[in-house]
Amino acid sequence: MFTGIVEELGSVVSFEAGVLRIAATTVLADAAIGDSIAVNGCCLTVTAIEPVEPESGGDPGWWEADVSHETLARTTLGTCRPGQVVNLERAVRASDRLGGHIVQGHVDAVGEVVTA
C-alpha cells in the first residue's frame, strides 16, 4: 500500500530485457530485496540493489525491478528511457503517518489527458 505522495524523483539508468534500473537516494535508505517501490504510481518489487555509499560524494545508488509484459501493457513504464525522471515512493508501514491517501499501487488502466 502507498500514500500517493512522491518521495523522490529518480532517474532511469537502463531498461533492458524487462529489467528496469533506477538511480535513487531517498527510497534506498532502508530498501531491501523484495521491498515494493512505486514508479510513476506502479508497484514494482526490488530484485537487486546498490545502496548509496557515504564516501561516494553524494552519488545516488540504484535498484532494479523485473517488469512483466502485463505491467508494460497496463502502464506507461514501457516508455522509460535512460535519463528519464520518474516519481518514486516507498510502500507505507502500518506504523507510519498516512498523509495523502491509501492507494494499492497496482495499475488497472492507463488514461489520457485530453485538455489541460
Protein backbone atom coordinates (compact mmCIF):
# COMPACT_ATOMS: atom_id res chain seq x y z
CA MET A 1 0.00 0.00 0.00
CA PHE A 2 1.12 3.52 -0.77
CA THR A 3 0.04 7.05 0.25
CA GLY A 4 0.27 8.51 -3.25
CA ILE A 5 2.85 11.08 -2.11
CA VAL A 6 6.02 11.11 -4.22
CA GLU A 7 9.12 10.88 -2.00
CA GLU A 8 11.82 11.35 -4.61
CA LEU A 9 12.50 11.88 -8.28
CA GLY A 10 14.67 9.05 -9.55
CA SER A 11 16.35 8.63 -12.90
CA VAL A 12 16.12 5.67 -15.27
CA VAL A 13 19.61 4.20 -15.71
CA SER A 14 18.64 1.40 -18.09
CA PHE A 15 15.71 -0.71 -19.23
CA GLU A 16 16.85 -3.89 -20.98
CA ALA A 17 15.31 -7.36 -21.27
CA GLY A 18 12.49 -6.47 -18.89
CA VAL A 19 14.83 -5.22 -16.14
CA LEU A 20 14.40 -1.59 -15.08
CA ARG A 21 17.32 0.06 -13.23
CA ILE A 22 16.67 3.34 -11.44
CA ALA A 23 19.14 5.70 -9.74
CA ALA A 24 17.83 6.96 -6.40
CA THR A 25 18.83 8.09 -2.93
CA THR A 26 15.91 8.56 -0.52
CA VAL A 27 13.99 5.37 -1.33
CA LEU A 28 17.18 3.33 -0.87
CA ALA A 29 17.69 4.48 2.73
CA ASP A 30 16.11 1.32 4.13
CA ALA A 31 15.33 -0.68 0.99
CA ALA A 32 15.98 -4.41 0.66
CA ILE A 33 15.40 -7.05 -1.99
CA GLY A 34 11.71 -7.94 -2.02
CA ASP A 35 10.52 -4.47 -0.97
CA SER A 36 7.93 -2.59 -3.01
CA ILE A 37 8.69 0.79 -4.58
CA ALA A 38 6.15 2.60 -6.74
CA VAL A 39 7.49 4.00 -10.02
CA ASN A 40 5.16 6.59 -11.54
CA GLY A 41 2.42 5.06 -9.38
CA CYS A 42 3.09 1.43 -10.36
CA CYS A 43 4.20 -1.01 -7.66
CA LEU A 44 7.45 -2.82 -8.52
CA THR A 45 9.48 -5.31 -6.46
CA VAL A 46 13.16 -4.66 -5.76
CA THR A 47 15.22 -7.54 -7.25
CA ALA A 48 18.71 -6.01 -6.95
CA ILE A 49 20.09 -3.01 -5.09
CA GLU A 50 23.26 -0.95 -4.78
CA PRO A 51 22.68 1.48 -1.91
CA VAL A 52 24.16 4.95 -1.65
CA GLU A 53 27.73 4.79 -0.36
CA PRO A 54 28.57 7.57 2.12
CA GLU A 55 32.02 8.03 0.56
CA SER A 56 30.55 8.38 -2.95
CA GLY A 57 30.31 12.15 -2.63
CA GLY A 58 26.54 12.17 -2.91
CA ASP A 59 26.21 9.99 -6.00
CA PRO A 60 22.91 8.07 -5.97
CA GLY A 61 22.69 4.34 -5.62
CA TRP A 62 20.42 2.22 -7.81
CA TRP A 63 17.82 -0.51 -7.64
CA GLU A 64 16.33 -2.89 -10.18
CA ALA A 65 12.94 -4.50 -10.78
CA ASP A 66 11.64 -7.00 -13.31
CA VAL A 67 8.79 -5.53 -15.35
CA SER A 68 6.33 -8.07 -16.78
CA HIS A 69 4.58 -7.88 -20.15
CA GLU A 70 1.26 -7.34 -18.33
CA THR A 71 2.70 -4.36 -16.44
CA LEU A 72 4.03 -2.91 -19.70
CA ALA A 73 0.60 -3.33 -21.30
CA ARG A 74 -1.22 -1.55 -18.45
CA THR A 75 1.21 1.27 -17.59
CA THR A 76 3.48 3.80 -19.24
CA LEU A 77 6.63 2.09 -17.92
CA GLY A 78 7.37 0.73 -21.39
CA THR A 79 8.24 4.27 -22.48
CA CYS A 80 11.01 4.62 -19.86
CA ARG A 81 14.36 5.59 -21.37
CA PRO A 82 17.79 6.23 -19.77
CA GLY A 83 17.90 9.66 -18.19
CA GLN A 84 14.13 9.93 -17.82
CA VAL A 85 12.94 11.25 -14.45
CA VAL A 86 10.40 9.07 -12.61
CA ASN A 87 8.34 9.51 -9.43
CA LEU A 88 9.35 7.16 -6.61
CA GLU A 89 7.55 6.19 -3.41
CA ARG A 90 8.23 3.51 -0.82
CA ALA A 91 5.41 1.32 0.46
CA VAL A 92 3.77 2.60 3.64
CA ARG A 93 4.29 0.91 7.00
CA ALA A 94 1.32 0.41 9.29
CA SER A 95 3.13 2.45 11.96
CA ASP A 96 3.67 5.49 9.66
CA ARG A 97 1.58 8.64 9.34
CA LEU A 98 -0.77 8.21 6.41
CA GLY A 99 -0.60 11.58 4.67
CA GLY A 100 -2.29 11.77 1.28
CA HIS A 101 -4.47 8.73 0.73
CA ILE A 102 -4.01 4.99 0.64
CA VAL A 103 -3.58 3.57 -2.86
CA GLN A 104 -2.91 0.00 -3.86
CA GLY A 105 -0.16 0.77 -6.39
CA HIS A 106 -1.36 -1.81 -8.90
CA VAL A 107 -2.44 -0.15 -12.14
CA ASP A 108 -5.76 -1.16 -13.71
CA ALA A 109 -5.68 1.06 -16.80
CA VAL A 110 -3.90 3.96 -18.50
CA GLY A 111 -5.79 7.20 -19.04
CA GLU A 112 -5.06 10.08 -21.39
CA VAL A 113 -5.22 13.79 -20.57
CA VAL A 114 -7.26 15.38 -23.37
CA THR A 115 -7.22 19.00 -22.16
CA ALA A 116 -5.04 20.89 -19.73
